[in-house]
PDB file of N, CA and C in Angstrom:
ATOM      1  N   UNK A   1       0.849  -1.180   0.000  1.00  0.00           N
ATOM      2  CA  UNK A   1       0.000   0.000   0.000  1.00  0.00           C
ATOM      3  C   UNK A   1       0.895   1.243   0.000  1.00  0.00           C
ATOM      4  N   UNK A   2       0.507   2.231  -0.803  1.00  0.00           N
ATOM      5  CA  UNK A   2       1.262   3.479  -0.851  1.00  0.00           C
ATOM      6  C   UNK A   2       1.041   4.278   0.418  1.00  0.00           C
ATOM      7  N   UNK A   3       2.062   5.014   0.796  1.00  0.00           N
ATOM      8  CA  UNK A   3       1.975   5.885   1.966  1.00  0.00           C
ATOM      9  C   UNK A   3       1.101   7.098   1.635  1.00  0.00           C
ATOM     10  N   UNK A   4       0.292   7.523   2.579  1.00  0.00           N
ATOM     11  CA  UNK A   4      -0.562   8.703   2.387  1.00  0.00           C
ATOM     12  C   UNK A   4       0.333   9.935   2.346  1.00  0.00           C
ATOM     13  N   UNK A   5       0.129  10.775   1.331  1.00  0.00           N
ATOM     14  CA  UNK A   5       0.970  11.958   1.149  1.00  0.00           C
ATOM     15  C   UNK A   5       0.215  13.270   1.304  1.00  0.00           C
ATOM     16  N   UNK A   6      -1.095  13.213   1.239  1.00  0.00           N
ATOM     17  CA  UNK A   6      -1.893  14.433   1.265  1.00  0.00           C
ATOM     18  C   UNK A   6      -3.235  14.158   1.921  1.00  0.00           C
ATOM     19  N   UNK A   7      -3.696  15.109   2.733  1.00  0.00           N
ATOM     20  CA  UNK A   7      -5.030  15.049   3.322  1.00  0.00           C
ATOM     21  C   UNK A   7      -5.842  16.180   2.700  1.00  0.00           C
ATOM     22  N   UNK A   8      -7.019  15.844   2.181  1.00  0.00           N
ATOM     23  CA  UNK A   8      -7.902  16.843   1.587  1.00  0.00           C
ATOM     24  C   UNK A   8      -9.085  17.040   2.530  1.00  0.00           C
ATOM     25  N   UNK A   9      -9.236  18.261   3.016  1.00  0.00           N
ATOM     26  CA  UNK A   9     -10.327  18.599   3.929  1.00  0.00           C
ATOM     27  C   UNK A   9     -11.449  19.285   3.167  1.00  0.00           C
ATOM     28  N   UNK A  10     -12.681  18.908   3.452  1.00  0.00           N
ATOM     29  CA  UNK A  10     -13.817  19.706   3.025  1.00  0.00           C
ATOM     30  C   UNK A  10     -13.822  20.931   3.930  1.00  0.00           C
ATOM     31  N   UNK A  11     -14.426  21.995   3.501  1.00  0.00           N
ATOM     32  CA  UNK A  11     -14.415  23.221   4.286  1.00  0.00           C
ATOM     33  C   UNK A  11     -15.625  23.320   5.214  1.00  0.00           C
ATOM     34  N   UNK A  12     -16.816  23.389   4.616  1.00  0.00           N
ATOM     35  CA  UNK A  12     -18.037  23.617   5.382  1.00  0.00           C
ATOM     36  C   UNK A  12     -18.378  22.400   6.231  1.00  0.00           C
ATOM     37  N   UNK A  13     -18.396  22.616   7.534  1.00  0.00           N
ATOM     38  CA  UNK A  13     -18.733  21.537   8.455  1.00  0.00           C
ATOM     39  C   UNK A  13     -17.549  20.721   8.915  1.00  0.00           C
ATOM     40  N   UNK A  14     -16.402  20.878   8.276  1.00  0.00           N
ATOM     41  CA  UNK A  14     -15.191  20.146   8.666  1.00  0.00           C
ATOM     42  C   UNK A  14     -14.162  21.112   9.252  1.00  0.00           C
ATOM     43  N   UNK A  15     -13.864  22.178   8.522  1.00  0.00           N
ATOM     44  CA  UNK A  15     -12.931  23.191   9.016  1.00  0.00           C
ATOM     45  C   UNK A  15     -13.649  24.319   9.733  1.00  0.00           C
ATOM     46  N   UNK A  16     -14.769  24.726   9.183  1.00  0.00           N
ATOM     47  CA  UNK A  16     -15.537  25.820   9.778  1.00  0.00           C
ATOM     48  C   UNK A  16     -16.975  25.378  10.006  1.00  0.00           C
ATOM     49  N   UNK A  17     -17.582  25.965  11.026  1.00  0.00           N
ATOM     50  CA  UNK A  17     -18.946  25.596  11.401  1.00  0.00           C
ATOM     51  C   UNK A  17     -19.941  26.480  10.641  1.00  0.00           C
ATOM     52  N   UNK A  18     -19.886  26.419   9.320  1.00  0.00           N
ATOM     53  CA  UNK A  18     -20.719  27.279   8.478  1.00  0.00           C
ATOM     54  C   UNK A  18     -22.056  26.650   8.119  1.00  0.00           C
ATOM     55  N   UNK A  19     -22.142  25.346   8.134  1.00  0.00           N
ATOM     56  CA  UNK A  19     -23.380  24.693   7.693  1.00  0.00           C
ATOM     57  C   UNK A  19     -24.574  25.068   8.550  1.00  0.00           C
ATOM     58  N   UNK A  20     -24.368  25.154   9.841  1.00  0.00           N
ATOM     59  CA  UNK A  20     -25.469  25.532  10.743  1.00  0.00           C
ATOM     60  C   UNK A  20     -25.995  26.916  10.374  1.00  0.00           C
ATOM     61  N   UNK A  21     -25.081  27.864  10.182  1.00  0.00           N
ATOM     62  CA  UNK A  21     -25.469  29.232   9.829  1.00  0.00           C
ATOM     63  C   UNK A  21     -26.200  29.241   8.488  1.00  0.00           C
ATOM     64  N   UNK A  22     -25.616  28.607   7.496  1.00  0.00           N
ATOM     65  CA  UNK A  22     -26.195  28.610   6.148  1.00  0.00           C
ATOM     66  C   UNK A  22     -27.575  27.962   6.132  1.00  0.00           C
ATOM     67  N   UNK A  23     -27.742  26.884   6.868  1.00  0.00           N
ATOM     68  CA  UNK A  23     -29.038  26.200   6.888  1.00  0.00           C
ATOM     69  C   UNK A  23     -30.118  27.040   7.543  1.00  0.00           C
ATOM     70  N   UNK A  24     -29.773  27.749   8.578  1.00  0.00           N
ATOM     71  CA  UNK A  24     -30.746  28.623   9.251  1.00  0.00           C
ATOM     72  C   UNK A  24     -31.148  29.768   8.330  1.00  0.00           C
ATOM     73  N   UNK A  25     -30.179  30.357   7.641  1.00  0.00           N
ATOM     74  CA  UNK A  25     -30.482  31.447   6.712  1.00  0.00           C
ATOM     75  C   UNK A  25     -31.316  30.936   5.546  1.00  0.00           C
ATOM     76  N   UNK A  26     -30.959  29.773   5.011  1.00  0.00           N
ATOM     77  CA  UNK A  26     -31.740  29.198   3.919  1.00  0.00           C
ATOM     78  C   UNK A  26     -33.170  28.936   4.369  1.00  0.00           C
ATOM     79  N   UNK A  27     -33.347  28.399   5.556  1.00  0.00           N
ATOM     80  CA  UNK A  27     -34.689  28.159   6.092  1.00  0.00           C
ATOM     81  C   UNK A  27     -35.488  29.459   6.156  1.00  0.00           C
ATOM     82  N   UNK A  28     -34.882  30.524   6.678  1.00  0.00           N
ATOM     83  CA  UNK A  28     -35.565  31.815   6.768  1.00  0.00           C
ATOM     84  C   UNK A  28     -35.978  32.313   5.392  1.00  0.00           C
ATOM     85  N   UNK A  29     -35.071  32.201   4.422  1.00  0.00           N
ATOM     86  CA  UNK A  29     -35.365  32.686   3.078  1.00  0.00           C
ATOM     87  C   UNK A  29     -36.449  31.855   2.400  1.00  0.00           C
ATOM     88  N   UNK A  30     -36.426  30.558   2.612  1.00  0.00           N
ATOM     89  CA  UNK A  30     -37.464  29.697   2.047  1.00  0.00           C
ATOM     90  C   UNK A  30     -38.822  30.031   2.639  1.00  0.00           C
ATOM     91  N   UNK A  31     -38.867  30.243   3.951  1.00  0.00           N
ATOM     92  CA  UNK A  31     -40.123  30.629   4.599  1.00  0.00           C
ATOM     93  C   UNK A  31     -40.635  31.959   4.047  1.00  0.00           C
ATOM     94  N   UNK A  32     -39.702  32.900   3.778  1.00  0.00           N
ATOM     95  CA  UNK A  32     -40.088  34.216   3.250  1.00  0.00           C
ATOM     96  C   UNK A  32     -40.748  34.115   1.881  1.00  0.00           C
ATOM     97  N   UNK A  33     -40.363  33.124   1.085  1.00  0.00           N
ATOM     98  CA  UNK A  33     -40.957  32.994  -0.263  1.00  0.00           C
ATOM     99  C   UNK A  33     -42.105  31.983  -0.289  1.00  0.00           C
ATOM    100  N   UNK A  34     -42.497  31.495   0.898  1.00  0.00           N
ATOM    101  CA  UNK A  34     -43.663  30.638   0.986  1.00  0.00           C
ATOM    102  C   UNK A  34     -43.400  29.147   0.964  1.00  0.00           C
ATOM    103  N   UNK A  35     -42.148  28.738   1.019  1.00  0.00           N
ATOM    104  CA  UNK A  35     -41.824  27.312   1.096  1.00  0.00           C
ATOM    105  C   UNK A  35     -41.545  26.995   2.560  1.00  0.00           C
ATOM    106  N   UNK A  36     -42.553  26.470   3.240  1.00  0.00           N
ATOM    107  CA  UNK A  36     -42.468  26.249   4.675  1.00  0.00           C
ATOM    108  C   UNK A  36     -41.877  24.875   4.964  1.00  0.00           C
ATOM    109  N   UNK A  37     -40.676  24.887   5.490  1.00  0.00           N
ATOM    110  CA  UNK A  37     -39.957  23.673   5.851  1.00  0.00           C
ATOM    111  C   UNK A  37     -39.437  23.818   7.268  1.00  0.00           C
ATOM    112  N   UNK A  38     -38.990  22.721   7.847  1.00  0.00           N
ATOM    113  CA  UNK A  38     -38.322  22.754   9.136  1.00  0.00           C
ATOM    114  C   UNK A  38     -36.817  22.781   8.897  1.00  0.00           C
ATOM    115  N   UNK A  39     -36.061  23.085   9.932  1.00  0.00           N
ATOM    116  CA  UNK A  39     -34.610  23.054   9.821  1.00  0.00           C
ATOM    117  C   UNK A  39     -34.137  21.649   9.457  1.00  0.00           C
ATOM    118  N   UNK A  40     -34.785  20.647  10.011  1.00  0.00           N
ATOM    119  CA  UNK A  40     -34.432  19.263   9.692  1.00  0.00           C
ATOM    120  C   UNK A  40     -34.665  18.976   8.212  1.00  0.00           C
ATOM    121  N   UNK A  41     -35.771  19.506   7.659  1.00  0.00           N
ATOM    122  CA  UNK A  41     -36.046  19.351   6.226  1.00  0.00           C
ATOM    123  C   UNK A  41     -34.921  19.976   5.393  1.00  0.00           C
ATOM    124  N   UNK A  42     -34.543  21.184   5.748  1.00  0.00           N
ATOM    125  CA  UNK A  42     -33.496  21.897   5.012  1.00  0.00           C
ATOM    126  C   UNK A  42     -32.201  21.094   5.024  1.00  0.00           C
ATOM    127  N   UNK A  43     -31.853  20.574   6.177  1.00  0.00           N
ATOM    128  CA  UNK A  43     -30.629  19.776   6.297  1.00  0.00           C
ATOM    129  C   UNK A  43     -30.726  18.524   5.425  1.00  0.00           C
ATOM    130  N   UNK A  44     -31.845  17.827   5.517  1.00  0.00           N
ATOM    131  CA  UNK A  44     -32.019  16.592   4.739  1.00  0.00           C
ATOM    132  C   UNK A  44     -32.009  16.840   3.233  1.00  0.00           C
ATOM    133  N   UNK A  45     -32.602  17.934   2.807  1.00  0.00           N
ATOM    134  CA  UNK A  45     -32.787  18.191   1.380  1.00  0.00           C
ATOM    135  C   UNK A  45     -31.598  18.897   0.736  1.00  0.00           C
ATOM    136  N   UNK A  46     -31.007  19.867   1.422  1.00  0.00           N
ATOM    137  CA  UNK A  46     -30.084  20.777   0.761  1.00  0.00           C
ATOM    138  C   UNK A  46     -28.604  20.641   1.124  1.00  0.00           C
ATOM    139  N   UNK A  47     -28.269  19.990   2.207  1.00  0.00           N
ATOM    140  CA  UNK A  47     -26.853  19.923   2.608  1.00  0.00           C
ATOM    141  C   UNK A  47     -26.049  19.134   1.583  1.00  0.00           C
ATOM    142  N   UNK A  48     -24.941  19.731   1.179  1.00  0.00           N
ATOM    143  CA  UNK A  48     -23.999  19.046   0.307  1.00  0.00           C
ATOM    144  C   UNK A  48     -24.272  19.156  -1.178  1.00  0.00           C
ATOM    145  N   UNK A  49     -25.245  19.978  -1.567  1.00  0.00           N
ATOM    146  CA  UNK A  49     -25.512  20.114  -2.999  1.00  0.00           C
ATOM    147  C   UNK A  49     -25.252  21.550  -3.446  1.00  0.00           C
ATOM    148  N   UNK A  50     -25.063  21.724  -4.726  1.00  0.00           N
ATOM    149  CA  UNK A  50     -24.750  23.043  -5.283  1.00  0.00           C
ATOM    150  C   UNK A  50     -25.959  23.969  -5.199  1.00  0.00           C
ATOM    151  N   UNK A  51     -25.687  25.267  -5.270  1.00  0.00           N
ATOM    152  CA  UNK A  51     -26.772  26.242  -5.252  1.00  0.00           C
ATOM    153  C   UNK A  51     -27.659  26.082  -6.478  1.00  0.00           C
ATOM    154  N   UNK A  52     -27.076  25.735  -7.621  1.00  0.00           N
ATOM    155  CA  UNK A  52     -27.897  25.531  -8.820  1.00  0.00           C
ATOM    156  C   UNK A  52     -28.916  24.415  -8.602  1.00  0.00           C
ATOM    157  N   UNK A  53     -28.494  23.329  -7.988  1.00  0.00           N
ATOM    158  CA  UNK A  53     -29.420  22.232  -7.699  1.00  0.00           C
ATOM    159  C   UNK A  53     -30.427  22.648  -6.628  1.00  0.00           C
ATOM    160  N   UNK A  54     -29.985  23.415  -5.640  1.00  0.00           N
ATOM    161  CA  UNK A  54     -30.913  23.940  -4.624  1.00  0.00           C
ATOM    162  C   UNK A  54     -32.030  24.743  -5.289  1.00  0.00           C
ATOM    163  N   UNK A  55     -31.658  25.597  -6.232  1.00  0.00           N
ATOM    164  CA  UNK A  55     -32.650  26.423  -6.926  1.00  0.00           C
ATOM    165  C   UNK A  55     -33.651  25.541  -7.674  1.00  0.00           C
ATOM    166  N   UNK A  56     -33.178  24.486  -8.313  1.00  0.00           N
ATOM    167  CA  UNK A  56     -34.075  23.570  -9.021  1.00  0.00           C
ATOM    168  C   UNK A  56     -35.034  22.875  -8.054  1.00  0.00           C
ATOM    169  N   UNK A  57     -34.515  22.436  -6.918  1.00  0.00           N
ATOM    170  CA  UNK A  57     -35.364  21.785  -5.912  1.00  0.00           C
ATOM    171  C   UNK A  57     -36.399  22.767  -5.381  1.00  0.00           C
ATOM    172  N   UNK A  58     -35.972  23.982  -5.094  1.00  0.00           N
ATOM    173  CA  UNK A  58     -36.891  25.010  -4.603  1.00  0.00           C
ATOM    174  C   UNK A  58     -37.988  25.253  -5.639  1.00  0.00           C
ATOM    175  N   UNK A  59     -37.593  25.376  -6.901  1.00  0.00           N
ATOM    176  CA  UNK A  59     -38.557  25.597  -7.986  1.00  0.00           C
ATOM    177  C   UNK A  59     -39.582  24.468  -8.047  1.00  0.00           C
ATOM    178  N   UNK A  60     -39.111  23.237  -7.953  1.00  0.00           N
ATOM    179  CA  UNK A  60     -40.019  22.084  -8.009  1.00  0.00           C
ATOM    180  C   UNK A  60     -40.949  22.034  -6.807  1.00  0.00           C
ATOM    181  N   UNK A  61     -40.460  22.331  -5.634  1.00  0.00           N
ATOM    182  CA  UNK A  61     -41.286  22.260  -4.426  1.00  0.00           C
ATOM    183  C   UNK A  61     -42.248  23.440  -4.318  1.00  0.00           C
ATOM    184  N   UNK A  62     -41.787  24.602  -4.785  1.00  0.00           N
ATOM    185  CA  UNK A  62     -42.595  25.815  -4.679  1.00  0.00           C
ATOM    186  C   UNK A  62     -43.599  25.932  -5.828  1.00  0.00           C
ATOM    187  N   UNK A  63     -43.294  25.275  -6.940  1.00  0.00           N
ATOM    188  CA  UNK A  63     -44.165  25.372  -8.098  1.00  0.00           C
ATOM    189  C   UNK A  63     -43.868  26.570  -8.980  1.00  0.00           C
ATOM    190  N   UNK A  64     -42.830  27.305  -8.640  1.00  0.00           N
ATOM    191  CA  UNK A  64     -42.381  28.453  -9.437  1.00  0.00           C
ATOM    192  C   UNK A  64     -40.933  28.743  -9.047  1.00  0.00           C
ATOM    193  N   UNK A  65     -40.264  29.507  -9.872  1.00  0.00           N
ATOM    194  CA  UNK A  65     -38.872  29.852  -9.582  1.00  0.00           C
ATOM    195  C   UNK A  65     -38.796  30.785  -8.385  1.00  0.00           C
ATOM    196  N   UNK A  66     -37.764  30.639  -7.571  1.00  0.00           N
ATOM    197  CA  UNK A  66     -37.556  31.615  -6.498  1.00  0.00           C
ATOM    198  C   UNK A  66     -37.158  32.947  -7.123  1.00  0.00           C
ATOM    199  N   UNK A  67     -37.140  34.019  -6.357  1.00  0.00           N
ATOM    200  CA  UNK A  67     -36.717  35.308  -6.912  1.00  0.00           C
ATOM    201  C   UNK A  67     -35.359  35.181  -7.606  1.00  0.00           C
ATOM    202  N   UNK A  68     -35.185  35.957  -8.658  1.00  0.00           N
ATOM    203  CA  UNK A  68     -33.970  35.892  -9.456  1.00  0.00           C
ATOM    204  C   UNK A  68     -32.700  36.118  -8.634  1.00  0.00           C
ATOM    205  N   UNK A  69     -32.799  36.929  -7.597  1.00  0.00           N
ATOM    206  CA  UNK A  69     -31.629  37.255  -6.773  1.00  0.00           C
ATOM    207  C   UNK A  69     -31.485  36.332  -5.559  1.00  0.00           C
ATOM    208  N   UNK A  70     -32.191  35.205  -5.541  1.00  0.00           N
ATOM    209  CA  UNK A  70     -32.206  34.331  -4.373  1.00  0.00           C
ATOM    210  C   UNK A  70     -30.800  33.883  -3.967  1.00  0.00           C
ATOM    211  N   UNK A  71     -30.016  33.387  -4.915  1.00  0.00           N
ATOM    212  CA  UNK A  71     -28.676  32.882  -4.603  1.00  0.00           C
ATOM    213  C   UNK A  71     -27.764  34.002  -4.118  1.00  0.00           C
ATOM    214  N   UNK A  72     -27.846  35.146  -4.763  1.00  0.00           N
ATOM    215  CA  UNK A  72     -27.017  36.294  -4.369  1.00  0.00           C
ATOM    216  C   UNK A  72     -27.404  36.779  -2.985  1.00  0.00           C
ATOM    217  N   UNK A  73     -28.700  36.871  -2.730  1.00  0.00           N
ATOM    218  CA  UNK A  73     -29.187  37.299  -1.417  1.00  0.00           C
ATOM    219  C   UNK A  73     -28.756  36.316  -0.331  1.00  0.00           C
ATOM    220  N   UNK A  74     -28.829  35.027  -0.639  1.00  0.00           N
ATOM    221  CA  UNK A  74     -28.402  34.005   0.317  1.00  0.00           C
ATOM    222  C   UNK A  74     -26.928  34.189   0.657  1.00  0.00           C
ATOM    223  N   UNK A  75     -26.095  34.361  -0.346  1.00  0.00           N
ATOM    224  CA  UNK A  75     -24.660  34.544  -0.101  1.00  0.00           C
ATOM    225  C   UNK A  75     -24.400  35.815   0.705  1.00  0.00           C
ATOM    226  N   UNK A  76     -25.078  36.898   0.379  1.00  0.00           N
ATOM    227  CA  UNK A  76     -24.894  38.156   1.104  1.00  0.00           C
ATOM    228  C   UNK A  76     -25.303  38.022   2.568  1.00  0.00           C
ATOM    229  N   UNK A  77     -26.445  37.382   2.815  1.00  0.00           N
ATOM    230  CA  UNK A  77     -26.893  37.201   4.201  1.00  0.00           C
ATOM    231  C   UNK A  77     -25.907  36.329   4.980  1.00  0.00           C
ATOM    232  N   UNK A  78     -25.429  35.276   4.348  1.00  0.00           N
ATOM    233  CA  UNK A  78     -24.456  34.402   5.016  1.00  0.00           C
ATOM    234  C   UNK A  78     -23.186  35.169   5.345  1.00  0.00           C
ATOM    235  N   UNK A  79     -22.688  35.930   4.396  1.00  0.00           N
ATOM    236  CA  UNK A  79     -21.452  36.685   4.621  1.00  0.00           C
ATOM    237  C   UNK A  79     -21.605  37.652   5.783  1.00  0.00           C
ATOM    238  N   UNK A  80     -22.758  38.281   5.897  1.00  0.00           N
ATOM    239  CA  UNK A  80     -22.993  39.210   7.005  1.00  0.00           C
ATOM    240  C   UNK A  80     -22.933  38.489   8.346  1.00  0.00           C
ATOM    241  N   UNK A  81     -23.544  37.323   8.424  1.00  0.00           N
ATOM    242  CA  UNK A  81     -23.561  36.571   9.680  1.00  0.00           C
ATOM    243  C   UNK A  81     -22.183  35.960   9.957  1.00  0.00           C
ATOM    244  N   UNK A  82     -21.465  35.587   8.900  1.00  0.00           N
ATOM    245  CA  UNK A  82     -20.123  35.027   9.088  1.00  0.00           C
ATOM    246  C   UNK A  82     -19.215  35.994   9.842  1.00  0.00           C
ATOM    247  N   UNK A  83     -19.389  37.285   9.611  1.00  0.00           N
ATOM    248  CA  UNK A  83     -18.531  38.284  10.245  1.00  0.00           C
ATOM    249  C   UNK A  83     -18.561  38.144  11.763  1.00  0.00           C
ATOM    250  N   UNK A  84     -19.723  37.850  12.314  1.00  0.00           N
ATOM    251  CA  UNK A  84     -19.848  37.787  13.770  1.00  0.00           C
ATOM    252  C   UNK A  84     -19.976  36.383  14.339  1.00  0.00           C
ATOM    253  N   UNK A  85     -20.509  35.441  13.554  1.00  0.00           N
ATOM    254  CA  UNK A  85     -20.880  34.153  14.130  1.00  0.00           C
ATOM    255  C   UNK A  85     -20.126  32.936  13.603  1.00  0.00           C
ATOM    256  N   UNK A  86     -19.244  33.113  12.634  1.00  0.00           N
ATOM    257  CA  UNK A  86     -18.549  31.967  12.060  1.00  0.00           C
ATOM    258  C   UNK A  86     -17.347  31.589  12.909  1.00  0.00           C
ATOM    259  N   UNK A  87     -17.241  30.302  13.224  1.00  0.00           N
ATOM    260  CA  UNK A  87     -16.150  29.807  14.060  1.00  0.00           C
ATOM    261  C   UNK A  87     -15.571  28.530  13.452  1.00  0.00           C
ATOM    262  N   UNK A  88     -14.306  28.258  13.767  1.00  0.00           N
ATOM    263  CA  UNK A  88     -13.738  26.975  13.328  1.00  0.00           C
ATOM    264  C   UNK A  88     -14.437  25.825  14.046  1.00  0.00           C
ATOM    265  N   UNK A  89     -14.443  24.661  13.422  1.00  0.00           N
ATOM    266  CA  UNK A  89     -14.955  23.466  14.074  1.00  0.00           C
ATOM    267  C   UNK A  89     -14.072  23.185  15.288  1.00  0.00           C
ATOM    268  N   UNK A  90     -14.690  22.848  16.382  1.00  0.00           N
ATOM    269  CA  UNK A  90     -13.951  22.604  17.622  1.00  0.00           C
ATOM    270  C   UNK A  90     -12.875  21.537  17.397  1.00  0.00           C
ATOM    271  N   UNK A  91     -11.640  21.879  17.763  1.00  0.00           N
ATOM    272  CA  UNK A  91     -10.527  20.949  17.687  1.00  0.00           C
ATOM    273  C   UNK A  91      -9.752  20.978  16.382  1.00  0.00           C
ATOM    274  N   UNK A  92     -10.252  21.689  15.369  1.00  0.00           N
ATOM    275  CA  UNK A  92      -9.588  21.648  14.065  1.00  0.00           C
ATOM    276  C   UNK A  92      -8.226  22.327  14.097  1.00  0.00           C
ATOM    277  N   UNK A  93      -8.048  23.372  14.893  1.00  0.00           N
ATOM    278  CA  UNK A  93      -6.732  24.017  14.990  1.00  0.00           C
ATOM    279  C   UNK A  93      -5.690  23.018  15.485  1.00  0.00           C
ATOM    280  N   UNK A  94      -6.050  22.242  16.469  1.00  0.00           N
ATOM    281  CA  UNK A  94      -5.132  21.240  17.004  1.00  0.00           C
ATOM    282  C   UNK A  94      -4.792  20.185  15.950  1.00  0.00           C
ATOM    283  N   UNK A  95      -5.794  19.735  15.227  1.00  0.00           N
ATOM    284  CA  UNK A  95      -5.570  18.739  14.170  1.00  0.00           C
ATOM    285  C   UNK A  95      -4.596  19.290  13.137  1.00  0.00           C
ATOM    286  N   UNK A  96      -4.848  20.504  12.664  1.00  0.00           N
ATOM    287  CA  UNK A  96      -3.998  21.075  11.622  1.00  0.00           C
ATOM    288  C   UNK A  96      -2.584  21.361  12.113  1.00  0.00           C
ATOM    289  N   UNK A  97      -2.457  21.790  13.363  1.00  0.00           N
ATOM    290  CA  UNK A  97      -1.124  22.121  13.870  1.00  0.00           C
ATOM    291  C   UNK A  97      -0.281  20.889  14.162  1.00  0.00           C
ATOM    292  N   UNK A  98      -0.898  19.738  14.359  1.00  0.00           N
ATOM    293  CA  UNK A  98      -0.138  18.520  14.640  1.00  0.00           C
ATOM    294  C   UNK A  98      -0.040  17.579  13.434  1.00  0.00           C
ATOM    295  N   UNK A  99      -0.735  17.894  12.370  1.00  0.00           N
ATOM    296  CA  UNK A  99      -0.725  17.050  11.181  1.00  0.00           C
ATOM    297  C   UNK A  99       0.652  17.095  10.517  1.00  0.00           C
ATOM    298  N   UNK A 100       1.219  15.950  10.260  1.00  0.00           N
ATOM    299  CA  UNK A 100       2.555  15.856   9.683  1.00  0.00           C
ATOM    300  C   UNK A 100       2.530  15.664   8.167  1.00  0.00           C
ATOM    301  N   UNK A 101       1.368  15.788   7.566  1.00  0.00           N
ATOM    302  CA  UNK A 101       1.204  15.616   6.132  1.00  0.00           C
ATOM    303  C   UNK A 101       0.815  16.937   5.479  1.00  0.00           C
ATOM    304  N   UNK A 102       1.032  17.028   4.189  1.00  0.00           N
ATOM    305  CA  UNK A 102       0.523  18.165   3.441  1.00  0.00           C
ATOM    306  C   UNK A 102      -0.994  18.077   3.423  1.00  0.00           C
ATOM    307  N   UNK A 103      -1.644  19.232   3.360  1.00  0.00           N
ATOM    308  CA  UNK A 103      -3.099  19.227   3.297  1.00  0.00           C
ATOM    309  C   UNK A 103      -3.592  20.385   2.446  1.00  0.00           C
ATOM    310  N   UNK A 104      -4.824  20.258   2.001  1.00  0.00           N
ATOM    311  CA  UNK A 104      -5.463  21.291   1.204  1.00  0.00           C
ATOM    312  C   UNK A 104      -6.963  21.265   1.484  1.00  0.00           C
ATOM    313  N   UNK A 105      -7.659  22.208   0.876  1.00  0.00           N
ATOM    314  CA  UNK A 105      -9.097  22.323   1.062  1.00  0.00           C
ATOM    315  C   UNK A 105      -9.791  22.088  -0.281  1.00  0.00           C
ATOM    316  N   UNK A 106     -10.837  21.291  -0.251  1.00  0.00           N
ATOM    317  CA  UNK A 106     -11.696  21.087  -1.418  1.00  0.00           C
ATOM    318  C   UNK A 106     -13.112  21.420  -0.992  1.00  0.00           C
ATOM    319  N   UNK A 107     -13.858  22.030  -1.887  1.00  0.00           N
ATOM    320  CA  UNK A 107     -15.214  22.410  -1.512  1.00  0.00           C
ATOM    321  C   UNK A 107     -16.077  22.598  -2.742  1.00  0.00           C
ATOM    322  N   UNK A 108     -17.351  22.388  -2.566  1.00  0.00           N
ATOM    323  CA  UNK A 108     -18.332  22.670  -3.601  1.00  0.00           C
ATOM    324  C   UNK A 108     -18.732  24.142  -3.565  1.00  0.00           C
ATOM    325  N   UNK A 109     -18.285  24.865  -2.549  1.00  0.00           N
ATOM    326  CA  UNK A 109     -18.616  26.282  -2.409  1.00  0.00           C
ATOM    327  C   UNK A 109     -17.781  27.125  -3.357  1.00  0.00           C
ATOM    328  N   UNK A 110     -18.281  28.313  -3.658  1.00  0.00           N
ATOM    329  CA  UNK A 110     -17.573  29.233  -4.540  1.00  0.00           C
ATOM    330  C   UNK A 110     -16.383  29.894  -3.862  1.00  0.00           C
ATOM    331  N   UNK A 111     -15.524  30.492  -4.679  1.00  0.00           N
ATOM    332  CA  UNK A 111     -14.312  31.132  -4.159  1.00  0.00           C
ATOM    333  C   UNK A 111     -14.599  32.255  -3.176  1.00  0.00           C
ATOM    334  N   UNK A 112     -15.594  33.102  -3.459  1.00  0.00           N
ATOM    335  CA  UNK A 112     -15.926  34.190  -2.529  1.00  0.00           C
ATOM    336  C   UNK A 112     -16.284  33.650  -1.156  1.00  0.00           C
ATOM    337  N   UNK A 113     -17.131  32.623  -1.166  1.00  0.00           N
ATOM    338  CA  UNK A 113     -17.580  31.988   0.081  1.00  0.00           C
ATOM    339  C   UNK A 113     -16.371  31.429   0.832  1.00  0.00           C
ATOM    340  N   UNK A 114     -15.538  30.676   0.132  1.00  0.00           N
ATOM    341  CA  UNK A 114     -14.380  30.037   0.766  1.00  0.00           C
ATOM    342  C   UNK A 114     -13.411  31.051   1.330  1.00  0.00           C
ATOM    343  N   UNK A 115     -13.099  32.076   0.550  1.00  0.00           N
ATOM    344  CA  UNK A 115     -12.154  33.090   1.022  1.00  0.00           C
ATOM    345  C   UNK A 115     -12.660  33.761   2.299  1.00  0.00           C
ATOM    346  N   UNK A 116     -13.906  34.112   2.336  1.00  0.00           N
ATOM    347  CA  UNK A 116     -14.486  34.747   3.522  1.00  0.00           C
ATOM    348  C   UNK A 116     -14.525  33.771   4.689  1.00  0.00           C
ATOM    349  N   UNK A 117     -14.964  32.558   4.433  1.00  0.00           N
ATOM    350  CA  UNK A 117     -15.107  31.566   5.489  1.00  0.00           C
ATOM    351  C   UNK A 117     -13.756  31.209   6.104  1.00  0.00           C
ATOM    352  N   UNK A 118     -12.760  31.015   5.287  1.00  0.00           N
ATOM    353  CA  UNK A 118     -11.448  30.603   5.798  1.00  0.00           C
ATOM    354  C   UNK A 118     -10.704  31.773   6.459  1.00  0.00           C
ATOM    355  N   UNK A 119     -11.039  32.997   6.050  1.00  0.00           N
ATOM    356  CA  UNK A 119     -10.393  34.160   6.689  1.00  0.00           C
ATOM    357  C   UNK A 119     -10.827  34.252   8.136  1.00  0.00           C
TER     358      UNK A 119
END
């Protein structure tokens, strides 16, 4: 077996505790446009998928497209909350500081999101 040379970390939910924030904001926005779900529903349906697929699911469940600026508004609201409420996952600093291997970050999130989240 080859020796492990690199560890690839996902960002959201592994390095930073962003999923909780994003899911709460998504729930609020869905409720605002008339798609009434629970937080558990949002987690089950939307975690781990792209925003484009989220928009398609919302369209199918709502029976019409969400507002054109839905994705942009979601990102803006998340970024605002990240400023005050985003924290690293508990223990991740210790893991990274003691890791003896090279590592990198992979994510389905966009560059703007990642840069803000990791900062």
